[in-house]
Amino acid sequence: MALSISLSVLLLIVVFMLVNKAGLKAAHAIICVLLGFYLASSSVAPTIDDLTTNVADMIGGVKI
């Protein structure tokens, strides 16, 4: 059975864990979020989207 989870939710969980367990400061996490918003509206956004889609497809195609 395959479990599908949104990449946004997964990244949110990772950032939450880093803030709580690895000592990432909340201000640093906020800066990372703002960087994500600015990247999403930039001209490099389609390239990042293609890259993440290709990596997800590659991981999804791995047979264990």
PDB file of N, CA and C in Angstrom:
ATOM      1  N   MET A   1       0.845  -1.172   0.000  1.00  0.00           N
ATOM      2  CA  MET A   1       0.000   0.000   0.000  1.00  0.00           C
ATOM      3  C   MET A   1       0.894   1.240   0.000  1.00  0.00           C
ATOM      4  N   ALA A   2       0.668   2.121  -0.925  1.00  0.00           N
ATOM      5  CA  ALA A   2       1.473   3.340  -1.047  1.00  0.00           C
ATOM      6  C   ALA A   2       0.824   4.457  -0.237  1.00  0.00           C
ATOM      7  N   LEU A   3       1.652   5.187   0.465  1.00  0.00           N
ATOM      8  CA  LEU A   3       1.180   6.313   1.251  1.00  0.00           C
ATOM      9  C   LEU A   3       1.616   7.581   0.556  1.00  0.00           C
ATOM     10  N   SER A   4       0.672   8.448   0.246  1.00  0.00           N
ATOM     11  CA  SER A   4       0.979   9.695  -0.431  1.00  0.00           C
ATOM     12  C   SER A   4       0.881  10.844   0.567  1.00  0.00           C
ATOM     13  N   ILE A   5       1.941  11.651   0.620  1.00  0.00           N
ATOM     14  CA  ILE A   5       1.953  12.795   1.525  1.00  0.00           C
ATOM     15  C   ILE A   5       2.463  13.997   0.750  1.00  0.00           C
ATOM     16  N   SER A   6       1.891  15.124   1.000  1.00  0.00           N
ATOM     17  CA  SER A   6       2.283  16.337   0.320  1.00  0.00           C
ATOM     18  C   SER A   6       3.708  16.720   0.720  1.00  0.00           C
ATOM     19  N   LEU A   7       4.482  17.175  -0.248  1.00  0.00           N
ATOM     20  CA  LEU A   7       5.844  17.609   0.031  1.00  0.00           C
ATOM     21  C   LEU A   7       5.847  18.787   0.998  1.00  0.00           C
ATOM     22  N   SER A   8       4.851  19.647   0.898  1.00  0.00           N
ATOM     23  CA  SER A   8       4.758  20.783   1.813  1.00  0.00           C
ATOM     24  C   SER A   8       4.583  20.322   3.254  1.00  0.00           C
ATOM     25  N   VAL A   9       3.733  19.333   3.454  1.00  0.00           N
ATOM     26  CA  VAL A   9       3.508  18.812   4.804  1.00  0.00           C
ATOM     27  C   VAL A   9       4.771  18.130   5.315  1.00  0.00           C
ATOM     28  N   LEU A  10       5.434  17.377   4.453  1.00  0.00           N
ATOM     29  CA  LEU A  10       6.667  16.705   4.839  1.00  0.00           C
ATOM     30  C   LEU A  10       7.746  17.711   5.233  1.00  0.00           C
ATOM     31  N   LEU A  11       7.907  18.772   4.453  1.00  0.00           N
ATOM     32  CA  LEU A  11       8.899  19.792   4.777  1.00  0.00           C
ATOM     33  C   LEU A  11       8.530  20.543   6.053  1.00  0.00           C
ATOM     34  N   LEU A  12       7.241  20.778   6.267  1.00  0.00           N
ATOM     35  CA  LEU A  12       6.794  21.419   7.496  1.00  0.00           C
ATOM     36  C   LEU A  12       7.158  20.566   8.711  1.00  0.00           C
ATOM     37  N   ILE A  13       6.974  19.261   8.608  1.00  0.00           N
ATOM     38  CA  ILE A  13       7.334  18.354   9.699  1.00  0.00           C
ATOM     39  C   ILE A  13       8.844  18.373   9.940  1.00  0.00           C
ATOM     40  N   VAL A  14       9.627  18.384   8.858  1.00  0.00           N
ATOM     41  CA  VAL A  14      11.083  18.425   8.994  1.00  0.00           C
ATOM     42  C   VAL A  14      11.525  19.700   9.693  1.00  0.00           C
ATOM     43  N   VAL A  15      10.973  20.841   9.288  1.00  0.00           N
ATOM     44  CA  VAL A  15      11.337  22.110   9.921  1.00  0.00           C
ATOM     45  C   VAL A  15      10.911  22.105  11.388  1.00  0.00           C
ATOM     46  N   PHE A  16       9.740  21.589  11.686  1.00  0.00           N
ATOM     47  CA  PHE A  16       9.273  21.511  13.075  1.00  0.00           C
ATOM     48  C   PHE A  16      10.223  20.664  13.919  1.00  0.00           C
ATOM     49  N   MET A  17      10.655  19.532  13.362  1.00  0.00           N
ATOM     50  CA  MET A  17      11.593  18.667  14.082  1.00  0.00           C
ATOM     51  C   MET A  17      12.946  19.356  14.273  1.00  0.00           C
ATOM     52  N   LEU A  18      13.403  20.083  13.257  1.00  0.00           N
ATOM     53  CA  LEU A  18      14.672  20.787  13.382  1.00  0.00           C
ATOM     54  C   LEU A  18      14.607  21.885  14.435  1.00  0.00           C
ATOM     55  N   VAL A  19      13.476  22.571  14.518  1.00  0.00           N
ATOM     56  CA  VAL A  19      13.323  23.613  15.535  1.00  0.00           C
ATOM     57  C   VAL A  19      13.341  22.987  16.922  1.00  0.00           C
ATOM     58  N   ASN A  20      12.653  21.869  17.089  1.00  0.00           N
ATOM     59  CA  ASN A  20      12.531  21.258  18.412  1.00  0.00           C
ATOM     60  C   ASN A  20      13.744  20.431  18.812  1.00  0.00           C
ATOM     61  N   LYS A  21      14.315  19.673  17.905  1.00  0.00           N
ATOM     62  CA  LYS A  21      15.348  18.704  18.269  1.00  0.00           C
ATOM     63  C   LYS A  21      16.769  19.149  17.933  1.00  0.00           C
ATOM     64  N   ALA A  22      16.970  19.827  16.827  1.00  0.00           N
ATOM     65  CA  ALA A  22      18.326  20.139  16.370  1.00  0.00           C
ATOM     66  C   ALA A  22      18.765  21.554  16.715  1.00  0.00           C
ATOM     67  N   GLY A  23      17.943  22.305  17.384  1.00  0.00           N
ATOM     68  CA  GLY A  23      18.332  23.635  17.817  1.00  0.00           C
ATOM     69  C   GLY A  23      18.204  24.715  16.762  1.00  0.00           C
ATOM     70  N   LEU A  24      17.446  24.451  15.700  1.00  0.00           N
ATOM     71  CA  LEU A  24      17.194  25.492  14.703  1.00  0.00           C
ATOM     72  C   LEU A  24      16.339  26.566  15.349  1.00  0.00           C
ATOM     73  N   LYS A  25      16.767  27.791  15.230  1.00  0.00           N
ATOM     74  CA  LYS A  25      16.014  28.887  15.833  1.00  0.00           C
ATOM     75  C   LYS A  25      14.796  29.219  14.970  1.00  0.00           C
ATOM     76  N   ALA A  26      13.738  29.649  15.620  1.00  0.00           N
ATOM     77  CA  ALA A  26      12.500  29.979  14.913  1.00  0.00           C
ATOM     78  C   ALA A  26      12.738  31.077  13.884  1.00  0.00           C
ATOM     79  N   ALA A  27      13.609  32.032  14.190  1.00  0.00           N
ATOM     80  CA  ALA A  27      13.897  33.111  13.237  1.00  0.00           C
ATOM     81  C   ALA A  27      14.532  32.552  11.963  1.00  0.00           C
ATOM     82  N   HIS A  28      15.400  31.553  12.112  1.00  0.00           N
ATOM     83  CA  HIS A  28      16.014  30.939  10.935  1.00  0.00           C
ATOM     84  C   HIS A  28      14.970  30.199  10.097  1.00  0.00           C
ATOM     85  N   ALA A  29      14.047  29.525  10.770  1.00  0.00           N
ATOM     86  CA  ALA A  29      12.988  28.823  10.046  1.00  0.00           C
ATOM     87  C   ALA A  29      12.106  29.812   9.283  1.00  0.00           C
ATOM     88  N   ILE A  30      11.814  30.950   9.902  1.00  0.00           N
ATOM     89  CA  ILE A  30      10.997  31.976   9.233  1.00  0.00           C
ATOM     90  C   ILE A  30      11.728  32.518   8.010  1.00  0.00           C
ATOM     91  N   ILE A  31      13.023  32.734   8.131  1.00  0.00           N
ATOM     92  CA  ILE A  31      13.816  33.203   6.986  1.00  0.00           C
ATOM     93  C   ILE A  31      13.783  32.179   5.863  1.00  0.00           C
ATOM     94  N   CYS A  32      13.866  30.905   6.200  1.00  0.00           N
ATOM     95  CA  CYS A  32      13.792  29.856   5.180  1.00  0.00           C
ATOM     96  C   CYS A  32      12.430  29.854   4.480  1.00  0.00           C
ATOM     97  N   VAL A  33      11.367  30.068   5.245  1.00  0.00           N
ATOM     98  CA  VAL A  33      10.019  30.132   4.666  1.00  0.00           C
ATOM     99  C   VAL A  33       9.907  31.322   3.721  1.00  0.00           C
ATOM    100  N   LEU A  34      10.415  32.469   4.152  1.00  0.00           N
ATOM    101  CA  LEU A  34      10.373  33.648   3.285  1.00  0.00           C
ATOM    102  C   LEU A  34      11.179  33.432   2.013  1.00  0.00           C
ATOM    103  N   LEU A  35      12.337  32.781   2.133  1.00  0.00           N
ATOM    104  CA  LEU A  35      13.121  32.456   0.947  1.00  0.00           C
ATOM    105  C   LEU A  35      12.321  31.579  -0.006  1.00  0.00           C
ATOM    106  N   GLY A  36      11.577  30.633   0.545  1.00  0.00           N
ATOM    107  CA  GLY A  36      10.739  29.773  -0.291  1.00  0.00           C
ATOM    108  C   GLY A  36       9.675  30.554  -1.043  1.00  0.00           C
ATOM    109  N   PHE A  37       9.055  31.517  -0.364  1.00  0.00           N
ATOM    110  CA  PHE A  37       8.048  32.336  -1.039  1.00  0.00           C
ATOM    111  C   PHE A  37       8.664  33.174  -2.153  1.00  0.00           C
ATOM    112  N   TYR A  38       9.834  33.751  -1.890  1.00  0.00           N
ATOM    113  CA  TYR A  38      10.487  34.553  -2.921  1.00  0.00           C
ATOM    114  C   TYR A  38      10.949  33.688  -4.089  1.00  0.00           C
ATOM    115  N   LEU A  39      11.446  32.492  -3.811  1.00  0.00           N
ATOM    116  CA  LEU A  39      11.848  31.593  -4.892  1.00  0.00           C
ATOM    117  C   LEU A  39      10.642  31.156  -5.725  1.00  0.00           C
ATOM    118  N   ALA A  40       9.500  30.959  -5.073  1.00  0.00           N
ATOM    119  CA  ALA A  40       8.300  30.522  -5.784  1.00  0.00           C
ATOM    120  C   ALA A  40       7.818  31.568  -6.777  1.00  0.00           C
ATOM    121  N   SER A  41       8.102  32.829  -6.504  1.00  0.00           N
ATOM    122  CA  SER A  41       7.654  33.875  -7.422  1.00  0.00           C
ATOM    123  C   SER A  41       8.759  34.335  -8.373  1.00  0.00           C
ATOM    124  N   SER A  42       9.892  33.676  -8.332  1.00  0.00           N
ATOM    125  CA  SER A  42      11.000  34.076  -9.200  1.00  0.00           C
ATOM    126  C   SER A  42      10.975  33.278 -10.503  1.00  0.00           C
ATOM    127  N   SER A  43      11.912  33.609 -11.364  1.00  0.00           N
ATOM    128  CA  SER A  43      11.979  32.913 -12.657  1.00  0.00           C
ATOM    129  C   SER A  43      12.602  31.526 -12.530  1.00  0.00           C
ATOM    130  N   VAL A  44      13.187  31.211 -11.405  1.00  0.00           N
ATOM    131  CA  VAL A  44      13.811  29.902 -11.207  1.00  0.00           C
ATOM    132  C   VAL A  44      12.799  28.861 -10.685  1.00  0.00           C
ATOM    133  N   ALA A  45      11.603  29.286 -10.361  1.00  0.00           N
ATOM    134  CA  ALA A  45      10.583  28.390  -9.810  1.00  0.00           C
ATOM    135  C   ALA A  45      10.262  27.195 -10.713  1.00  0.00           C
ATOM    136  N   PRO A  46      10.084  27.381 -12.028  1.00  0.00           N
ATOM    137  CA  PRO A  46       9.804  26.207 -12.868  1.00  0.00           C
ATOM    138  C   PRO A  46      10.949  25.189 -12.867  1.00  0.00           C
ATOM    139  N   THR A  47      12.182  25.659 -12.790  1.00  0.00           N
ATOM    140  CA  THR A  47      13.322  24.751 -12.757  1.00  0.00           C
ATOM    141  C   THR A  47      13.327  23.946 -11.463  1.00  0.00           C
ATOM    142  N   ILE A  48      13.047  24.604 -10.348  1.00  0.00           N
ATOM    143  CA  ILE A  48      12.987  23.913  -9.058  1.00  0.00           C
ATOM    144  C   ILE A  48      11.842  22.908  -9.060  1.00  0.00           C
ATOM    145  N   ASP A  49      10.715  23.278  -9.636  1.00  0.00           N
ATOM    146  CA  ASP A  49       9.573  22.373  -9.718  1.00  0.00           C
ATOM    147  C   ASP A  49       9.908  21.145 -10.562  1.00  0.00           C
ATOM    148  N   ASP A  50      10.558  21.360 -11.694  1.00  0.00           N
ATOM    149  CA  ASP A  50      10.962  20.231 -12.537  1.00  0.00           C
ATOM    150  C   ASP A  50      11.937  19.316 -11.800  1.00  0.00           C
ATOM    151  N   LEU A  51      12.881  19.903 -11.093  1.00  0.00           N
ATOM    152  CA  LEU A  51      13.868  19.113 -10.362  1.00  0.00           C
ATOM    153  C   LEU A  51      13.204  18.261  -9.287  1.00  0.00           C
ATOM    154  N   THR A  52      12.333  18.863  -8.484  1.00  0.00           N
ATOM    155  CA  THR A  52      11.669  18.094  -7.429  1.00  0.00           C
ATOM    156  C   THR A  52      10.744  17.027  -8.001  1.00  0.00           C
ATOM    157  N   THR A  53      10.087  17.320  -9.115  1.00  0.00           N
ATOM    158  CA  THR A  53       9.229  16.327  -9.756  1.00  0.00           C
ATOM    159  C   THR A  53      10.051  15.153 -10.264  1.00  0.00           C
ATOM    160  N   ASN A  54      11.188  15.437 -10.897  1.00  0.00           N
ATOM    161  CA  ASN A  54      12.046  14.366 -11.402  1.00  0.00           C
ATOM    162  C   ASN A  54      12.626  13.523 -10.283  1.00  0.00           C
ATOM    163  N   VAL A  55      13.034  14.154  -9.184  1.00  0.00           N
ATOM    164  CA  VAL A  55      13.564  13.398  -8.052  1.00  0.00           C
ATOM    165  C   VAL A  55      12.466  12.534  -7.425  1.00  0.00           C
ATOM    166  N   ALA A  56      11.260  13.076  -7.284  1.00  0.00           N
ATOM    167  CA  ALA A  56      10.150  12.304  -6.736  1.00  0.00           C
ATOM    168  C   ALA A  56       9.802  11.123  -7.634  1.00  0.00           C
ATOM    169  N   ASP A  57       9.821  11.331  -8.943  1.00  0.00           N
ATOM    170  CA  ASP A  57       9.566  10.235  -9.880  1.00  0.00           C
ATOM    171  C   ASP A  57      10.644   9.168  -9.788  1.00  0.00           C
ATOM    172  N   MET A  58      11.899   9.610  -9.640  1.00  0.00           N
ATOM    173  CA  MET A  58      13.006   8.667  -9.532  1.00  0.00           C
ATOM    174  C   MET A  58      12.886   7.849  -8.258  1.00  0.00           C
ATOM    175  N   ILE A  59      12.561   8.494  -7.140  1.00  0.00           N
ATOM    176  CA  ILE A  59      12.388   7.774  -5.879  1.00  0.00           C
ATOM    177  C   ILE A  59      11.181   6.847  -5.955  1.00  0.00           C
ATOM    178  N   GLY A  60      10.112   7.313  -6.593  1.00  0.00           N
ATOM    179  CA  GLY A  60       8.920   6.489  -6.740  1.00  0.00           C
ATOM    180  C   GLY A  60       9.128   5.279  -7.631  1.00  0.00           C
ATOM    181  N   GLY A  61      10.104   5.356  -8.529  1.00  0.00           N
ATOM    182  CA  GLY A  61      10.370   4.259  -9.430  1.00  0.00           C
ATOM    183  C   GLY A  61      11.305   3.193  -8.881  1.00  0.00           C
ATOM    184  N   VAL A  62      11.849   3.426  -7.687  1.00  0.00           N
ATOM    185  CA  VAL A  62      12.761   2.461  -7.078  1.00  0.00           C
ATOM    186  C   VAL A  62      11.960   1.263  -6.579  1.00  0.00           C
ATOM    187  N   LYS A  63      12.388   0.084  -6.999  1.00  0.00           N
ATOM    188  CA  LYS A  63      11.744  -1.164  -6.557  1.00  0.00           C
ATOM    189  C   LYS A  63      12.601  -1.805  -5.490  1.00  0.00           C
ATOM    190  N   ILE A  64      11.972  -2.088  -4.349  1.00  0.00           N
ATOM    191  CA  ILE A  64      12.713  -2.702  -3.238  1.00  0.00           C
ATOM    192  C   ILE A  64      12.420  -4.183  -3.191  1.00  0.00           C
TER     193      ILE A  64
END
